[in-house]
C-alpha atoms as a PDB file:
ATOM      1  CA  UNK A   1     140.021 220.522-128.417  1.00  0.00           C
ATOM      2  CA  UNK A   2     143.721 220.471-127.487  1.00  0.00           C
ATOM      3  CA  UNK A   3     145.510 217.123-127.495  1.00  0.00           C
ATOM      4  CA  UNK A   4     145.062 215.238-124.246  1.00  0.00           C
ATOM      5  CA  UNK A   5     148.023 213.121-123.131  1.00  0.00           C
ATOM      6  CA  UNK A   6     147.828 210.470-120.434  1.00  0.00           C
ATOM      7  CA  UNK A   7     150.418 208.210-118.838  1.00  0.00           C
ATOM      8  CA  UNK A   8     149.539 204.592-118.154  1.00  0.00           C
ATOM      9  CA  UNK A   9     150.631 200.969-118.027  1.00  0.00           C
ATOM     10  CA  UNK A  10     150.037 198.438-120.800  1.00  0.00           C
ATOM     11  CA  UNK A  11     147.809 195.725-119.339  1.00  0.00           C
ATOM     12  CA  UNK A  12     146.884 193.679-122.393  1.00  0.00           C
ATOM     13  CA  UNK A  13     148.688 193.292-125.702  1.00  0.00           C
ATOM     14  CA  UNK A  14     148.890 190.750-128.528  1.00  0.00           C
ATOM     15  CA  UNK A  15     145.229 189.753-128.754  1.00  0.00           C
ATOM     16  CA  UNK A  16     144.332 192.356-131.380  1.00  0.00           C
ATOM     17  CA  UNK A  17     146.566 193.475-134.232  1.00  0.00           C
ATOM     18  CA  UNK A  18     147.961 197.031-133.795  1.00  0.00           C
ATOM     19  CA  UNK A  19     145.976 197.470-130.565  1.00  0.00           C
ATOM     20  CA  UNK A  20     146.921 197.474-126.887  1.00  0.00           C
ATOM     21  CA  UNK A  21     144.961 198.108-123.702  1.00  0.00           C
ATOM     22  CA  UNK A  22     146.433 200.801-121.460  1.00  0.00           C
ATOM     23  CA  UNK A  23     145.281 201.323-117.864  1.00  0.00           C
ATOM     24  CA  UNK A  24     145.460 204.920-116.607  1.00  0.00           C
ATOM     25  CA  UNK A  25     145.317 205.495-112.830  1.00  0.00           C
ATOM     26  CA  UNK A  26     144.371 208.608-110.917  1.00  0.00           C
ATOM     27  CA  UNK A  27     143.851 209.401-107.250  1.00  0.00           C
ATOM     28  CA  UNK A  28     140.669 211.002-105.889  1.00  0.00           C
ATOM     29  CA  UNK A  29     139.808 212.040-102.343  1.00  0.00           C
ATOM     30  CA  UNK A  30     136.607 210.633-100.844  1.00  0.00           C
ATOM     31  CA  UNK A  31     134.177 213.407 -99.940  1.00  0.00           C
ATOM     32  CA  UNK A  32     133.247 212.124 -96.475  1.00  0.00           C
ATOM     33  CA  UNK A  33     136.192 210.117 -95.176  1.00  0.00           C
ATOM     34  CA  UNK A  34     138.955 212.137 -96.843  1.00  0.00           C
ATOM     35  CA  UNK A  35     140.806 208.943 -97.825  1.00  0.00           C
ATOM     36  CA  UNK A  36     142.619 208.683-101.146  1.00  0.00           C
ATOM     37  CA  UNK A  37     141.118 206.210-103.611  1.00  0.00           C
ATOM     38  CA  UNK A  38     142.767 204.948-106.791  1.00  0.00           C
ATOM     39  CA  UNK A  39     140.527 205.069-109.863  1.00  0.00           C
ATOM     40  CA  UNK A  40     141.473 203.300-113.099  1.00  0.00           C
ATOM     41  CA  UNK A  41     140.241 203.635-116.644  1.00  0.00           C
ATOM     42  CA  UNK A  42     141.175 201.382-119.560  1.00  0.00           C
ATOM     43  CA  UNK A  43     141.754 202.752-123.042  1.00  0.00           C
ATOM     44  CA  UNK A  44     142.311 200.966-126.349  1.00  0.00           C
ATOM     45  CA  UNK A  45     145.420 202.422-127.989  1.00  0.00           C
ATOM     46  CA  UNK A  46     146.480 202.255-131.632  1.00  0.00           C
ATOM     47  CA  UNK A  47     150.041 200.874-131.894  1.00  0.00           C
ATOM     48  CA  UNK A  48     150.993 201.047-135.576  1.00  0.00           C
ATOM     49  CA  UNK A  49     154.194 198.970-135.320  1.00  0.00           C
ATOM     50  CA  UNK A  50     153.102 196.487-132.573  1.00  0.00           C
ATOM     51  CA  UNK A  51     155.995 197.646-130.343  1.00  0.00           C
ATOM     52  CA  UNK A  52     154.188 197.526-126.999  1.00  0.00           C
ATOM     53  CA  UNK A  53     154.708 194.758-124.469  1.00  0.00           C
ATOM     54  CA  UNK A  54     152.992 193.927-121.186  1.00  0.00           C
ATOM     55  CA  UNK A  55     153.862 196.279-118.262  1.00  0.00           C
ATOM     56  CA  UNK A  56     155.345 199.024-120.472  1.00  0.00           C
ATOM     57  CA  UNK A  57     154.876 202.563-119.142  1.00  0.00           C
ATOM     58  CA  UNK A  58     153.621 204.702-122.030  1.00  0.00           C
ATOM     59  CA  UNK A  59     152.292 208.143-122.943  1.00  0.00           C
ATOM     60  CA  UNK A  60     149.137 208.097-125.067  1.00  0.00           C
ATOM     61  CA  UNK A  61     147.440 210.931-126.926  1.00  0.00           C
ATOM     62  CA  UNK A  62     143.876 211.346-128.125  1.00  0.00           C
ATOM     63  CA  UNK A  63     143.267 211.291-131.865  1.00  0.00           C
ATOM     64  CA  UNK A  64     140.373 211.002-134.317  1.00  0.00           C
ATOM     65  CA  UNK A  65     138.592 207.623-133.981  1.00  0.00           C
ATOM     66  CA  UNK A  66     140.577 204.764-135.489  1.00  0.00           C
ATOM     67  CA  UNK A  67     137.824 202.225-134.806  1.00  0.00           C
ATOM     68  CA  UNK A  68     134.659 201.947-132.735  1.00  0.00           C
ATOM     69  CA  UNK A  69     136.518 202.031-129.395  1.00  0.00           C
ATOM     70  CA  UNK A  70     140.052 203.238-130.275  1.00  0.00           C
ATOM     71  CA  UNK A  71     140.458 206.951-129.707  1.00  0.00           C
ATOM     72  CA  UNK A  72     144.061 207.099-128.518  1.00  0.00           C
ATOM     73  CA  UNK A  73     147.390 206.583-130.223  1.00  0.00           C
ATOM     74  CA  UNK A  74     150.809 205.736-128.815  1.00  0.00           C
ATOM     75  CA  UNK A  75     152.986 208.811-128.338  1.00  0.00           C
ATOM     76  CA  UNK A  76     156.091 207.266-126.725  1.00  0.00           C
ATOM     77  CA  UNK A  77     157.318 204.426-124.529  1.00  0.00           C
ATOM     78  CA  UNK A  78     158.779 205.692-121.256  1.00  0.00           C
ATOM     79  CA  UNK A  79     159.855 202.399-119.695  1.00  0.00           C
ATOM     80  CA  UNK A  80     159.855 198.833-120.970  1.00  0.00           C
ATOM     81  CA  UNK A  81     160.898 196.249-118.349  1.00  0.00           C
ATOM     82  CA  UNK A  82     160.611 193.236-120.677  1.00  0.00           C
ATOM     83  CA  UNK A  83     162.573 194.877-123.498  1.00  0.00           C
ATOM     84  CA  UNK A  84     165.280 196.032-121.058  1.00  0.00           C
ATOM     85  CA  UNK A  85     165.544 192.486-119.712  1.00  0.00           C
ATOM     86  CA  UNK A  86     165.923 191.049-123.226  1.00  0.00           C
ATOM     87  CA  UNK A  87     168.618 193.590-124.099  1.00  0.00           C
ATOM     88  CA  UNK A  88     170.572 192.793-120.918  1.00  0.00           C
ATOM     89  CA  UNK A  89     170.268 189.065-121.616  1.00  0.00           C
ATOM     90  CA  UNK A  90     171.464 189.524-125.209  1.00  0.00           C
ATOM     91  CA  UNK A  91     174.478 191.591-124.126  1.00  0.00           C
ATOM     92  CA  UNK A  92     175.447 189.016-121.486  1.00  0.00           C
ATOM     93  CA  UNK A  93     175.230 186.126-123.950  1.00  0.00           C
ATOM     94  CA  UNK A  94     177.544 187.928-126.412  1.00  0.00           C
ATOM     95  CA  UNK A  95     180.324 188.500-123.881  1.00  0.00           C
ATOM     96  CA  UNK A  96     182.449 185.423-123.098  1.00  0.00           C
ATOM     97  CA  UNK A  97     182.138 183.956-119.607  1.00  0.00           C
ATOM     98  CA  UNK A  98     184.948 184.878-117.199  1.00  0.00           C
ATOM     99  CA  UNK A  99     187.663 182.210-117.060  1.00  0.00           C
ATOM    100  CA  UNK A 100     189.366 181.306-113.848  1.00  0.00           C
ATOM    101  CA  UNK A 101     193.098 181.948-113.992  1.00  0.00           C
ATOM    102  CA  UNK A 102     193.952 179.819-110.956  1.00  0.00           C
ATOM    103  CA  UNK A 103     193.133 176.105-111.220  1.00  0.00           C
ATOM    104  CA  UNK A 104     191.819 174.299-108.158  1.00  0.00           C
ATOM    105  CA  UNK A 105     194.481 172.426-106.236  1.00  0.00           C
ATOM    106  CA  UNK A 106     193.764 168.884-105.170  1.00  0.00           C
ATOM    107  CA  UNK A 107     194.522 168.153-101.543  1.00  0.00           C
END
């Protein structure tokens, strides 16, 4: 079977070592009404280095079973809002605050 890759959002992380829960969404059309319905499926993903954080957008790939319910492994992290926020905060704290060149004049 060829490797199957899916894109999803990390919904749960940190409760199990080297494991994260990824929610994969897809849209289906209802047979009668014709409306679009969002269907979600949760997968347990093997994260060897514990790099994943909540709300990361990731690509996962099927693999031989790692445990009873883990059949996917992390392929790459596409977007990490929490990590980006921490990097921005770290870069701002390293730069000195802007100093005002003109002192306030008392009236």
